[in-house]
Amino acid sequence: MQTWTTFDLATIEPEEGAPAPDRVIEGNPQFRTWNVEEAEGGIYAGVWEATPGKWRIVYDEWEYFNVLSGHSIITEEGGEPVHLRAGDRMILRPGFKGSWEVVETTRKDYVIRV
């Protein structure tokens, strides 16, 4: 068994999606997700992309991500907006509530633990 993997998106069919309609604040954001790894213990890794729009987010999971391209703004309820562009990294912890706004189509790689 191979004990490593690469993020070769050419070999993975992306899943298409969108935020739940009752969470959308503005626009018509659309998602594409390339799930590269689903490991025991509720760990996921892959690449996610979203088109412009704004929606409410609530995190029950822990997520680390690295922005690969685009421009997004994440704002925690009662907090200041955080602008994210290529090269920016963030950890969102369980209990995070706020909004995600994609200003310019954004792509990130991620590791999630549920």
PDB file of N, CA and C in Angstrom:
ATOM      1  N   MET A   1       0.836  -1.187   0.000  1.00  0.00           N
ATOM      2  CA  MET A   1       0.000   0.000   0.000  1.00  0.00           C
ATOM      3  C   MET A   1       0.881   1.251   0.000  1.00  0.00           C
ATOM      4  N   GLN A   2       0.539   2.189  -0.834  1.00  0.00           N
ATOM      5  CA  GLN A   2       1.258   3.459  -0.895  1.00  0.00           C
ATOM      6  C   GLN A   2       0.872   4.306   0.314  1.00  0.00           C
ATOM      7  N   THR A   3       1.848   4.901   0.972  1.00  0.00           N
ATOM      8  CA  THR A   3       1.569   5.678   2.180  1.00  0.00           C
ATOM      9  C   THR A   3       1.702   7.179   1.956  1.00  0.00           C
ATOM     10  N   TRP A   4       1.516   7.623   0.708  1.00  0.00           N
ATOM     11  CA  TRP A   4       1.530   9.054   0.376  1.00  0.00           C
ATOM     12  C   TRP A   4       0.607   9.279  -0.809  1.00  0.00           C
ATOM     13  N   THR A   5       0.261  10.529  -1.022  1.00  0.00           N
ATOM     14  CA  THR A   5      -0.546  10.885  -2.180  1.00  0.00           C
ATOM     15  C   THR A   5      -0.216  12.317  -2.579  1.00  0.00           C
ATOM     16  N   THR A   6      -0.475  12.637  -3.817  1.00  0.00           N
ATOM     17  CA  THR A   6      -0.294  14.001  -4.305  1.00  0.00           C
ATOM     18  C   THR A   6      -1.668  14.613  -4.568  1.00  0.00           C
ATOM     19  N   PHE A   7      -1.710  15.896  -4.717  1.00  0.00           N
ATOM     20  CA  PHE A   7      -2.946  16.592  -5.035  1.00  0.00           C
ATOM     21  C   PHE A   7      -3.027  16.756  -6.547  1.00  0.00           C
ATOM     22  N   ASP A   8      -3.233  15.653  -7.259  1.00  0.00           N
ATOM     23  CA  ASP A   8      -3.336  15.679  -8.716  1.00  0.00           C
ATOM     24  C   ASP A   8      -4.801  15.816  -9.104  1.00  0.00           C
ATOM     25  N   LEU A   9      -5.251  17.051  -9.265  1.00  0.00           N
ATOM     26  CA  LEU A   9      -6.670  17.305  -9.522  1.00  0.00           C
ATOM     27  C   LEU A   9      -7.139  16.775 -10.864  1.00  0.00           C
ATOM     28  N   ALA A  10      -6.215  16.554 -11.786  1.00  0.00           N
ATOM     29  CA  ALA A  10      -6.587  16.034 -13.101  1.00  0.00           C
ATOM     30  C   ALA A  10      -7.169  14.627 -13.005  1.00  0.00           C
ATOM     31  N   THR A  11      -6.899  13.925 -11.913  1.00  0.00           N
ATOM     32  CA  THR A  11      -7.370  12.545 -11.757  1.00  0.00           C
ATOM     33  C   THR A  11      -8.627  12.448 -10.892  1.00  0.00           C
ATOM     34  N   ILE A  12      -9.163  13.601 -10.450  1.00  0.00           N
ATOM     35  CA  ILE A  12     -10.308  13.607  -9.537  1.00  0.00           C
ATOM     36  C   ILE A  12     -11.446  14.418 -10.153  1.00  0.00           C
ATOM     37  N   GLU A  13     -12.630  13.849 -10.133  1.00  0.00           N
ATOM     38  CA  GLU A  13     -13.817  14.566 -10.605  1.00  0.00           C
ATOM     39  C   GLU A  13     -14.305  15.468  -9.473  1.00  0.00           C
ATOM     40  N   PRO A  14     -14.408  16.788  -9.695  1.00  0.00           N
ATOM     41  CA  PRO A  14     -14.851  17.661  -8.605  1.00  0.00           C
ATOM     42  C   PRO A  14     -16.332  17.477  -8.299  1.00  0.00           C
ATOM     43  N   GLU A  15     -16.657  17.649  -7.018  1.00  0.00           N
ATOM     44  CA  GLU A  15     -18.060  17.690  -6.595  1.00  0.00           C
ATOM     45  C   GLU A  15     -18.522  19.135  -6.727  1.00  0.00           C
ATOM     46  N   GLU A  16     -19.727  19.347  -7.223  1.00  0.00           N
ATOM     47  CA  GLU A  16     -20.270  20.690  -7.382  1.00  0.00           C
ATOM     48  C   GLU A  16     -21.270  20.947  -6.272  1.00  0.00           C
ATOM     49  N   GLY A  17     -21.333  22.180  -5.817  1.00  0.00           N
ATOM     50  CA  GLY A  17     -22.255  22.511  -4.744  1.00  0.00           C
ATOM     51  C   GLY A  17     -22.420  24.004  -4.590  1.00  0.00           C
ATOM     52  N   ALA A  18     -23.109  24.364  -3.525  1.00  0.00           N
ATOM     53  CA  ALA A  18     -23.381  25.766  -3.208  1.00  0.00           C
ATOM     54  C   ALA A  18     -23.800  25.827  -1.747  1.00  0.00           C
ATOM     55  N   PRO A  19     -23.737  27.013  -1.155  1.00  0.00           N
ATOM     56  CA  PRO A  19     -24.249  27.129   0.216  1.00  0.00           C
ATOM     57  C   PRO A  19     -25.763  26.896   0.227  1.00  0.00           C
ATOM     58  N   ALA A  20     -26.268  26.455   1.352  1.00  0.00           N
ATOM     59  CA  ALA A  20     -27.716  26.296   1.495  1.00  0.00           C
ATOM     60  C   ALA A  20     -28.378  27.648   1.210  1.00  0.00           C
ATOM     61  N   PRO A  21     -29.494  27.649   0.486  1.00  0.00           N
ATOM     62  CA  PRO A  21     -30.139  28.912   0.098  1.00  0.00           C
ATOM     63  C   PRO A  21     -30.410  29.862   1.269  1.00  0.00           C
ATOM     64  N   ASP A  22     -30.742  29.312   2.455  1.00  0.00           N
ATOM     65  CA  ASP A  22     -31.043  30.183   3.599  1.00  0.00           C
ATOM     66  C   ASP A  22     -29.788  30.803   4.217  1.00  0.00           C
ATOM     67  N   ARG A  23     -28.600  30.391   3.752  1.00  0.00           N
ATOM     68  CA  ARG A  23     -27.345  30.973   4.249  1.00  0.00           C
ATOM     69  C   ARG A  23     -26.787  32.055   3.323  1.00  0.00           C
ATOM     70  N   VAL A  24     -27.282  32.104   2.097  1.00  0.00           N
ATOM     71  CA  VAL A  24     -26.759  33.067   1.130  1.00  0.00           C
ATOM     72  C   VAL A  24     -27.178  34.482   1.517  1.00  0.00           C
ATOM     73  N   ILE A  25     -26.201  35.373   1.565  1.00  0.00           N
ATOM     74  CA  ILE A  25     -26.434  36.780   1.881  1.00  0.00           C
ATOM     75  C   ILE A  25     -26.465  37.600   0.595  1.00  0.00           C
ATOM     76  N   GLU A  26     -25.600  37.215  -0.347  1.00  0.00           N
ATOM     77  CA  GLU A  26     -25.454  38.009  -1.571  1.00  0.00           C
ATOM     78  C   GLU A  26     -24.908  37.134  -2.700  1.00  0.00           C
ATOM     79  N   GLY A  27     -25.394  37.350  -3.913  1.00  0.00           N
ATOM     80  CA  GLY A  27     -24.868  36.660  -5.085  1.00  0.00           C
ATOM     81  C   GLY A  27     -25.380  35.242  -5.243  1.00  0.00           C
ATOM     82  N   ASN A  28     -24.661  34.484  -6.066  1.00  0.00           N
ATOM     83  CA  ASN A  28     -25.003  33.097  -6.358  1.00  0.00           C
ATOM     84  C   ASN A  28     -23.719  32.256  -6.340  1.00  0.00           C
ATOM     85  N   PRO A  29     -23.075  32.154  -5.159  1.00  0.00           N
ATOM     86  CA  PRO A  29     -21.803  31.429  -5.110  1.00  0.00           C
ATOM     87  C   PRO A  29     -21.970  29.952  -5.447  1.00  0.00           C
ATOM     88  N   GLN A  30     -20.995  29.427  -6.191  1.00  0.00           N
ATOM     89  CA  GLN A  30     -20.971  28.019  -6.577  1.00  0.00           C
ATOM     90  C   GLN A  30     -19.641  27.429  -6.137  1.00  0.00           C
ATOM     91  N   PHE A  31     -19.661  26.172  -5.688  1.00  0.00           N
ATOM     92  CA  PHE A  31     -18.462  25.502  -5.185  1.00  0.00           C
ATOM     93  C   PHE A  31     -18.054  24.361  -6.101  1.00  0.00           C
ATOM     94  N   ARG A  32     -16.757  24.105  -6.133  1.00  0.00           N
ATOM     95  CA  ARG A  32     -16.214  22.863  -6.676  1.00  0.00           C
ATOM     96  C   ARG A  32     -15.219  22.352  -5.634  1.00  0.00           C
ATOM     97  N   THR A  33     -15.326  21.059  -5.316  1.00  0.00           N
ATOM     98  CA  THR A  33     -14.463  20.456  -4.305  1.00  0.00           C
ATOM     99  C   THR A  33     -13.840  19.190  -4.865  1.00  0.00           C
ATOM    100  N   TRP A  34     -12.517  19.123  -4.780  1.00  0.00           N
ATOM    101  CA  TRP A  34     -11.767  17.935  -5.156  1.00  0.00           C
ATOM    102  C   TRP A  34     -11.339  17.261  -3.862  1.00  0.00           C
ATOM    103  N   ASN A  35     -12.033  16.194  -3.460  1.00  0.00           N
ATOM    104  CA  ASN A  35     -11.685  15.474  -2.237  1.00  0.00           C
ATOM    105  C   ASN A  35     -10.534  14.525  -2.545  1.00  0.00           C
ATOM    106  N   VAL A  36      -9.375  14.843  -2.028  1.00  0.00           N
ATOM    107  CA  VAL A  36      -8.175  14.064  -2.305  1.00  0.00           C
ATOM    108  C   VAL A  36      -8.016  12.921  -1.302  1.00  0.00           C
ATOM    109  N   GLU A  37      -8.374  13.154  -0.055  1.00  0.00           N
ATOM    110  CA  GLU A  37      -8.147  12.165   1.002  1.00  0.00           C
ATOM    111  C   GLU A  37      -9.291  12.196   2.000  1.00  0.00           C
ATOM    112  N   GLU A  38      -9.717  11.006   2.402  1.00  0.00           N
ATOM    113  CA  GLU A  38     -10.671  10.843   3.491  1.00  0.00           C
ATOM    114  C   GLU A  38     -10.096   9.747   4.376  1.00  0.00           C
ATOM    115  N   ALA A  39      -9.517  10.154   5.502  1.00  0.00           N
ATOM    116  CA  ALA A  39      -8.792   9.215   6.359  1.00  0.00           C
ATOM    117  C   ALA A  39      -9.602   8.871   7.608  1.00  0.00           C
ATOM    118  N   GLU A  40      -9.211   7.785   8.248  1.00  0.00           N
ATOM    119  CA  GLU A  40      -9.854   7.386   9.498  1.00  0.00           C
ATOM    120  C   GLU A  40      -9.747   8.509  10.515  1.00  0.00           C
ATOM    121  N   GLY A  41     -10.729   8.573  11.398  1.00  0.00           N
ATOM    122  CA  GLY A  41     -10.718   9.598  12.425  1.00  0.00           C
ATOM    123  C   GLY A  41     -11.349  10.900  11.978  1.00  0.00           C
ATOM    124  N   GLY A  42     -12.020  10.907  10.817  1.00  0.00           N
ATOM    125  CA  GLY A  42     -12.708  12.106  10.354  1.00  0.00           C
ATOM    126  C   GLY A  42     -11.783  13.184   9.838  1.00  0.00           C
ATOM    127  N   ILE A  43     -10.748  12.782   9.106  1.00  0.00           N
ATOM    128  CA  ILE A  43      -9.812  13.742   8.530  1.00  0.00           C
ATOM    129  C   ILE A  43     -10.003  13.767   7.017  1.00  0.00           C
ATOM    130  N   TYR A  44     -10.105  14.979   6.469  1.00  0.00           N
ATOM    131  CA  TYR A  44     -10.329  15.173   5.041  1.00  0.00           C
ATOM    132  C   TYR A  44      -9.300  16.169   4.515  1.00  0.00           C
ATOM    133  N   ALA A  45      -8.886  15.982   3.274  1.00  0.00           N
ATOM    134  CA  ALA A  45      -7.961  16.923   2.635  1.00  0.00           C
ATOM    135  C   ALA A  45      -8.337  17.029   1.170  1.00  0.00           C
ATOM    136  N   GLY A  46      -8.131  18.219   0.618  1.00  0.00           N
ATOM    137  CA  GLY A  46      -8.445  18.414  -0.784  1.00  0.00           C
ATOM    138  C   GLY A  46      -8.303  19.861  -1.188  1.00  0.00           C
ATOM    139  N   VAL A  47      -8.999  20.188  -2.267  1.00  0.00           N
ATOM    140  CA  VAL A  47      -8.985  21.538  -2.811  1.00  0.00           C
ATOM    141  C   VAL A  47     -10.430  21.972  -3.005  1.00  0.00           C
ATOM    142  N   TRP A  48     -10.715  23.224  -2.646  1.00  0.00           N
ATOM    143  CA  TRP A  48     -12.056  23.797  -2.740  1.00  0.00           C
ATOM    144  C   TRP A  48     -11.960  25.108  -3.499  1.00  0.00           C
ATOM    145  N   GLU A  49     -12.980  25.377  -4.305  1.00  0.00           N
ATOM    146  CA  GLU A  49     -13.028  26.608  -5.083  1.00  0.00           C
ATOM    147  C   GLU A  49     -14.441  27.164  -5.013  1.00  0.00           C
ATOM    148  N   ALA A  50     -14.551  28.492  -4.907  1.00  0.00           N
ATOM    149  CA  ALA A  50     -15.867  29.134  -4.867  1.00  0.00           C
ATOM    150  C   ALA A  50     -15.864  30.379  -5.747  1.00  0.00           C
ATOM    151  N   THR A  51     -17.018  30.620  -6.369  1.00  0.00           N
ATOM    152  CA  THR A  51     -17.205  31.812  -7.193  1.00  0.00           C
ATOM    153  C   THR A  51     -17.770  32.934  -6.310  1.00  0.00           C
ATOM    154  N   PRO A  52     -17.759  34.173  -6.797  1.00  0.00           N
ATOM    155  CA  PRO A  52     -18.179  35.301  -5.965  1.00  0.00           C
ATOM    156  C   PRO A  52     -19.581  35.178  -5.379  1.00  0.00           C
ATOM    157  N   GLY A  53     -19.685  35.701  -4.166  1.00  0.00           N
ATOM    158  CA  GLY A  53     -20.918  35.722  -3.397  1.00  0.00           C
ATOM    159  C   GLY A  53     -20.570  35.800  -1.924  1.00  0.00           C
ATOM    160  N   LYS A  54     -21.595  35.845  -1.090  1.00  0.00           N
ATOM    161  CA  LYS A  54     -21.393  35.939   0.362  1.00  0.00           C
ATOM    162  C   LYS A  54     -22.432  35.080   1.053  1.00  0.00           C
ATOM    163  N   TRP A  55     -22.015  34.338   2.091  1.00  0.00           N
ATOM    164  CA  TRP A  55     -22.922  33.465   2.819  1.00  0.00           C
ATOM    165  C   TRP A  55     -22.471  33.330   4.269  1.00  0.00           C
ATOM    166  N   ARG A  56     -23.404  32.920   5.102  1.00  0.00           N
ATOM    167  CA  ARG A  56     -23.123  32.678   6.523  1.00  0.00           C
ATOM    168  C   ARG A  56     -22.459  31.319   6.683  1.00  0.00           C
ATOM    169  N   ILE A  57     -21.472  31.258   7.589  1.00  0.00           N
ATOM    170  CA  ILE A  57     -20.809  29.993   7.878  1.00  0.00           C
ATOM    171  C   ILE A  57     -20.853  29.712   9.374  1.00  0.00           C
ATOM    172  N   VAL A  58     -20.944  28.430   9.712  1.00  0.00           N
ATOM    173  CA  VAL A  58     -20.899  27.950  11.086  1.00  0.00           C
ATOM    174  C   VAL A  58     -20.025  26.707  11.064  1.00  0.00           C
ATOM    175  N   TYR A  59     -18.972  26.703  11.863  1.00  0.00           N
ATOM    176  CA  TYR A  59     -18.033  25.581  11.859  1.00  0.00           C
ATOM    177  C   TYR A  59     -18.237  24.688  13.068  1.00  0.00           C
ATOM    178  N   ASP A  60     -18.479  23.395  12.813  1.00  0.00           N
ATOM    179  CA  ASP A  60     -18.494  22.381  13.854  1.00  0.00           C
ATOM    180  C   ASP A  60     -17.172  21.624  13.837  1.00  0.00           C
ATOM    181  N   GLU A  61     -16.411  21.797  12.760  1.00  0.00           N
ATOM    182  CA  GLU A  61     -15.157  21.076  12.562  1.00  0.00           C
ATOM    183  C   GLU A  61     -13.971  22.036  12.696  1.00  0.00           C
ATOM    184  N   TRP A  62     -12.775  21.467  12.726  1.00  0.00           N
ATOM    185  CA  TRP A  62     -11.517  22.219  12.724  1.00  0.00           C
ATOM    186  C   TRP A  62     -10.986  22.189  11.302  1.00  0.00           C
ATOM    187  N   GLU A  63     -10.557  23.348  10.788  1.00  0.00           N
ATOM    188  CA  GLU A  63     -10.028  23.392   9.426  1.00  0.00           C
ATOM    189  C   GLU A  63      -8.803  24.287   9.332  1.00  0.00           C
ATOM    190  N   TYR A  64      -7.778  23.768   8.667  1.00  0.00           N
ATOM    191  CA  TYR A  64      -6.617  24.553   8.247  1.00  0.00           C
ATOM    192  C   TYR A  64      -6.734  24.696   6.739  1.00  0.00           C
ATOM    193  N   PHE A  65      -6.482  25.909   6.223  1.00  0.00           N
ATOM    194  CA  PHE A  65      -6.450  26.054   4.772  1.00  0.00           C
ATOM    195  C   PHE A  65      -5.402  27.066   4.340  1.00  0.00           C
ATOM    196  N   ASN A  66      -5.026  26.929   3.075  1.00  0.00           N
ATOM    197  CA  ASN A  66      -4.061  27.789   2.419  1.00  0.00           C
ATOM    198  C   ASN A  66      -4.721  28.300   1.149  1.00  0.00           C
ATOM    199  N   VAL A  67      -4.812  29.621   1.008  1.00  0.00           N
ATOM    200  CA  VAL A  67      -5.431  30.198  -0.184  1.00  0.00           C
ATOM    201  C   VAL A  67      -4.438  30.108  -1.343  1.00  0.00           C
ATOM    202  N   LEU A  68      -4.875  29.488  -2.417  1.00  0.00           N
ATOM    203  CA  LEU A  68      -4.037  29.303  -3.606  1.00  0.00           C
ATOM    204  C   LEU A  68      -4.207  30.430  -4.603  1.00  0.00           C
ATOM    205  N   SER A  69      -5.443  30.961  -4.715  1.00  0.00           N
ATOM    206  CA  SER A  69      -5.709  32.057  -5.644  1.00  0.00           C
ATOM    207  C   SER A  69      -7.004  32.739  -5.245  1.00  0.00           C
ATOM    208  N   GLY A  70      -7.180  33.964  -5.744  1.00  0.00           N
ATOM    209  CA  GLY A  70      -8.408  34.692  -5.513  1.00  0.00           C
ATOM    210  C   GLY A  70      -8.334  35.646  -4.335  1.00  0.00           C
ATOM    211  N   HIS A  71      -9.509  36.117  -3.936  1.00  0.00           N
ATOM    212  CA  HIS A  71      -9.646  37.073  -2.831  1.00  0.00           C
ATOM    213  C   HIS A  71     -10.954  36.780  -2.125  1.00  0.00           C
ATOM    214  N   SER A  72     -10.866  36.495  -0.831  1.00  0.00           N
ATOM    215  CA  SER A  72     -12.040  36.266   0.000  1.00  0.00           C
ATOM    216  C   SER A  72     -11.927  37.102   1.265  1.00  0.00           C
ATOM    217  N   ILE A  73     -13.068  37.331   1.895  1.00  0.00           N
ATOM    218  CA  ILE A  73     -13.117  38.041   3.170  1.00  0.00           C
ATOM    219  C   ILE A  73     -13.904  37.176   4.139  1.00  0.00           C
ATOM    220  N   ILE A  74     -13.279  36.832   5.257  1.00  0.00           N
ATOM    221  CA  ILE A  74     -13.950  36.067   6.311  1.00  0.00           C
ATOM    222  C   ILE A  74     -14.144  37.015   7.489  1.00  0.00           C
ATOM    223  N   THR A  75     -15.370  37.044   8.001  1.00  0.00           N
ATOM    224  CA  THR A  75     -15.683  37.917   9.124  1.00  0.00           C
ATOM    225  C   THR A  75     -16.376  37.107  10.207  1.00  0.00           C
ATOM    226  N   GLU A  76     -15.783  37.077  11.391  1.00  0.00           N
ATOM    227  CA  GLU A  76     -16.422  36.415  12.526  1.00  0.00           C
ATOM    228  C   GLU A  76     -17.492  37.337  13.087  1.00  0.00           C
ATOM    229  N   GLU A  77     -18.603  36.773  13.567  1.00  0.00           N
ATOM    230  CA  GLU A  77     -19.657  37.585  14.177  1.00  0.00           C
ATOM    231  C   GLU A  77     -19.041  38.500  15.221  1.00  0.00           C
ATOM    232  N   GLY A  78     -19.281  39.794  15.089  1.00  0.00           N
ATOM    233  CA  GLY A  78     -18.759  40.764  16.041  1.00  0.00           C
ATOM    234  C   GLY A  78     -17.292  41.098  15.855  1.00  0.00           C
ATOM    235  N   GLY A  79     -16.656  40.532  14.814  1.00  0.00           N
ATOM    236  CA  GLY A  79     -15.230  40.746  14.597  1.00  0.00           C
ATOM    237  C   GLY A  79     -14.951  41.591  13.368  1.00  0.00           C
ATOM    238  N   GLU A  80     -13.684  41.798  13.131  1.00  0.00           N
ATOM    239  CA  GLU A  80     -13.234  42.570  11.981  1.00  0.00           C
ATOM    240  C   GLU A  80     -13.051  41.654  10.770  1.00  0.00           C
ATOM    241  N   PRO A  81     -13.270  42.147   9.562  1.00  0.00           N
ATOM    242  CA  PRO A  81     -13.057  41.341   8.353  1.00  0.00           C
ATOM    243  C   PRO A  81     -11.581  40.992   8.181  1.00  0.00           C
ATOM    244  N   VAL A  82     -11.337  39.780   7.700  1.00  0.00           N
ATOM    245  CA  VAL A  82      -9.977  39.328   7.387  1.00  0.00           C
ATOM    246  C   VAL A  82      -9.929  39.060   5.888  1.00  0.00           C
ATOM    247  N   HIS A  83      -9.108  39.825   5.175  1.00  0.00           N
ATOM    248  CA  HIS A  83      -8.946  39.661   3.729  1.00  0.00           C
ATOM    249  C   HIS A  83      -7.915  38.570   3.480  1.00  0.00           C
ATOM    250  N   LEU A  84      -8.268  37.629   2.627  1.00  0.00           N
ATOM    251  CA  LEU A  84      -7.391  36.503   2.321  1.00  0.00           C
ATOM    252  C   LEU A  84      -7.094  36.460   0.828  1.00  0.00           C
ATOM    253  N   ARG A  85      -5.811  36.324   0.524  1.00  0.00           N
ATOM    254  CA  ARG A  85      -5.355  36.219  -0.868  1.00  0.00           C
ATOM    255  C   ARG A  85      -4.331  35.101  -0.956  1.00  0.00           C
ATOM    256  N   ALA A  86      -3.885  34.814  -2.173  1.00  0.00           N
ATOM    257  CA  ALA A  86      -2.922  33.726  -2.393  1.00  0.00           C
ATOM    258  C   ALA A  86      -1.775  33.805  -1.390  1.00  0.00           C
ATOM    259  N   GLY A  87      -1.490  32.665  -0.763  1.00  0.00           N
ATOM    260  CA  GLY A  87      -0.416  32.572   0.217  1.00  0.00           C
ATOM    261  C   GLY A  87      -0.869  32.751   1.647  1.00  0.00           C
ATOM    262  N   ASP A  88      -2.093  33.255   1.872  1.00  0.00           N
ATOM    263  CA  ASP A  88      -2.600  33.421   3.231  1.00  0.00           C
ATOM    264  C   ASP A  88      -3.113  32.086   3.753  1.00  0.00           C
ATOM    265  N   ARG A  89      -2.920  31.875   5.035  1.00  0.00           N
ATOM    266  CA  ARG A  89      -3.339  30.640   5.695  1.00  0.00           C
ATOM    267  C   ARG A  89      -4.192  30.988   6.906  1.00  0.00           C
ATOM    268  N   MET A  90      -5.084  30.070   7.256  1.00  0.00           N
ATOM    269  CA  MET A  90      -5.962  30.327   8.394  1.00  0.00           C
ATOM    270  C   MET A  90      -6.379  29.001   9.011  1.00  0.00           C
ATOM    271  N   ILE A  91      -6.681  29.052  10.301  1.00  0.00           N
ATOM    272  CA  ILE A  91      -7.307  27.932  11.000  1.00  0.00           C
ATOM    273  C   ILE A  91      -8.645  28.435  11.520  1.00  0.00           C
ATOM    274  N   LEU A  92      -9.715  27.715  11.206  1.00  0.00           N
ATOM    275  CA  LEU A  92     -11.035  27.979  11.756  1.00  0.00           C
ATOM    276  C   LEU A  92     -11.352  26.837  12.714  1.00  0.00           C
ATOM    277  N   ARG A  93     -11.762  27.191  13.918  1.00  0.00           N
ATOM    278  CA  ARG A  93     -12.014  26.193  14.957  1.00  0.00           C
ATOM    279  C   ARG A  93     -13.516  25.970  15.146  1.00  0.00           C
ATOM    280  N   PRO A  94     -13.866  24.822  15.738  1.00  0.00           N
ATOM    281  CA  PRO A  94     -15.285  24.572  16.023  1.00  0.00           C
ATOM    282  C   PRO A  94     -15.880  25.736  16.821  1.00  0.00           C
ATOM    283  N   GLY A  95     -17.077  26.124  16.440  1.00  0.00           N
ATOM    284  CA  GLY A  95     -17.750  27.227  17.107  1.00  0.00           C
ATOM    285  C   GLY A  95     -17.647  28.542  16.350  1.00  0.00           C
ATOM    286  N   PHE A  96     -16.801  28.584  15.299  1.00  0.00           N
ATOM    287  CA  PHE A  96     -16.678  29.808  14.508  1.00  0.00           C
ATOM    288  C   PHE A  96     -17.997  30.078  13.808  1.00  0.00           C
ATOM    289  N   LYS A  97     -18.485  31.308  13.918  1.00  0.00           N
ATOM    290  CA  LYS A  97     -19.702  31.746  13.220  1.00  0.00           C
ATOM    291  C   LYS A  97     -19.399  33.080  12.573  1.00  0.00           C
ATOM    292  N   GLY A  98     -19.855  33.232  11.352  1.00  0.00           N
ATOM    293  CA  GLY A  98     -19.623  34.493  10.660  1.00  0.00           C
ATOM    294  C   GLY A  98     -20.044  34.408   9.216  1.00  0.00           C
ATOM    295  N   SER A  99     -19.255  35.060   8.345  1.00  0.00           N
ATOM    296  CA  SER A  99     -19.581  35.047   6.920  1.00  0.00           C
ATOM    297  C   SER A  99     -18.317  34.838   6.102  1.00  0.00           C
ATOM    298  N   TRP A 100     -18.525  34.263   4.930  1.00  0.00           N
ATOM    299  CA  TRP A 100     -17.467  34.088   3.940  1.00  0.00           C
ATOM    300  C   TRP A 100     -17.921  34.841   2.701  1.00  0.00           C
ATOM    301  N   GLU A 101     -17.101  35.782   2.254  1.00  0.00           N
ATOM    302  CA  GLU A 101     -17.399  36.520   1.039  1.00  0.00           C
ATOM    303  C   GLU A 101     -16.291  36.281   0.031  1.00  0.00           C
ATOM    304  N   VAL A 102     -16.660  35.776  -1.130  1.00  0.00           N
ATOM    305  CA  VAL A 102     -15.705  35.603  -2.212  1.00  0.00           C
ATOM    306  C   VAL A 102     -15.817  36.822  -3.109  1.00  0.00           C
ATOM    307  N   VAL A 103     -14.750  37.608  -3.138  1.00  0.00           N
ATOM    308  CA  VAL A 103     -14.695  38.815  -3.966  1.00  0.00           C
ATOM    309  C   VAL A 103     -14.249  38.437  -5.370  1.00  0.00           C
ATOM    310  N   GLU A 104     -13.239  37.579  -5.439  1.00  0.00           N
ATOM    311  CA  GLU A 104     -12.689  37.062  -6.697  1.00  0.00           C
ATOM    312  C   GLU A 104     -12.589  35.548  -6.526  1.00  0.00           C
ATOM    313  N   THR A 105     -13.046  34.779  -7.505  1.00  0.00           N
ATOM    314  CA  THR A 105     -13.054  33.317  -7.385  1.00  0.00           C
ATOM    315  C   THR A 105     -11.838  32.853  -6.602  1.00  0.00           C
ATOM    316  N   THR A 106     -12.098  32.095  -5.547  1.00  0.00           N
ATOM    317  CA  THR A 106     -11.059  31.684  -4.597  1.00  0.00           C
ATOM    318  C   THR A 106     -10.882  30.178  -4.624  1.00  0.00           C
ATOM    319  N   ARG A 107      -9.617  29.765  -4.600  1.00  0.00           N
ATOM    320  CA  ARG A 107      -9.272  28.341  -4.507  1.00  0.00           C
ATOM    321  C   ARG A 107      -8.350  28.175  -3.310  1.00  0.00           C
ATOM    322  N   LYS A 108      -8.615  27.130  -2.530  1.00  0.00           N
ATOM    323  CA  LYS A 108      -7.787  26.844  -1.356  1.00  0.00           C
ATOM    324  C   LYS A 108      -7.560  25.344  -1.276  1.00  0.00           C
ATOM    325  N   ASP A 109      -6.447  24.962  -0.644  1.00  0.00           N
ATOM    326  CA  ASP A 109      -6.327  23.563  -0.235  1.00  0.00           C
ATOM    327  C   ASP A 109      -6.610  23.527   1.258  1.00  0.00           C
ATOM    328  N   TYR A 110      -7.057  22.380   1.738  1.00  0.00           N
ATOM    329  CA  TYR A 110      -7.550  22.321   3.114  1.00  0.00           C
ATOM    330  C   TYR A 110      -7.261  20.965   3.748  1.00  0.00           C
ATOM    331  N   VAL A 111      -7.255  20.989   5.082  1.00  0.00           N
ATOM    332  CA  VAL A 111      -7.272  19.788   5.909  1.00  0.00           C
ATOM    333  C   VAL A 111      -8.340  20.044   6.969  1.00  0.00           C
ATOM    334  N   ILE A 112      -9.289  19.122   7.060  1.00  0.00           N
ATOM    335  CA  ILE A 112     -10.412  19.262   8.005  1.00  0.00           C
ATOM    336  C   ILE A 112     -10.417  18.060   8.942  1.00  0.00           C
ATOM    337  N   ARG A 113     -10.690  18.344  10.202  1.00  0.00           N
ATOM    338  CA  ARG A 113     -10.887  17.265  11.182  1.00  0.00           C
ATOM    339  C   ARG A 113     -12.252  17.488  11.820  1.00  0.00           C
ATOM    340  N   VAL A 114     -13.103  16.477  11.700  1.00  0.00           N
ATOM    341  CA  VAL A 114     -14.463  16.591  12.268  1.00  0.00           C
ATOM    342  C   VAL A 114     -14.520  15.992  13.649  1.00  0.00           C
TER     343      VAL A 114
END
